[in-house]
Amino acid sequence: MFALGKTLKYTIWASMGLFWYHMYLVVKKDKPEEGFLANATFLDAAKFARFMYEDLTQLLTRPPVQSLLMPRPPMPQGHMPFKVLVVNLNGTLIHSEYKVR
């Protein structure tokens, strides 16, 4: 049992090392198929992992919508566009009641 456990452990380590080597080939090389000891199975797994990483990165960093407001519908003939007044009241003293003295 001891030898079987050691064999399994080192096999997993070697497989992970090969996977990361193929991931390096996919990321850094133009033609990863021509890399030293390139294996088609490991290359497919590395390409899939790279695709999933890029997809998740785009999903988490891209805004969910292009604009927050809906586009305005076209105005009928003869109507003026709406006007908006923006007032900044920061630092202004405002009272809700008025006392005559």
Foldseek 3Di string as FASTA:
>chain_A
DVVVVVVVVVVVVVVVVLLVVLLCLVPPPPDSCPDDPDDPVSVVVSVVVVVVVVVVVCVVPPDPDPDPDDDDDDDDPPDDDDDDDDDDCPPPDDDPDDDDD
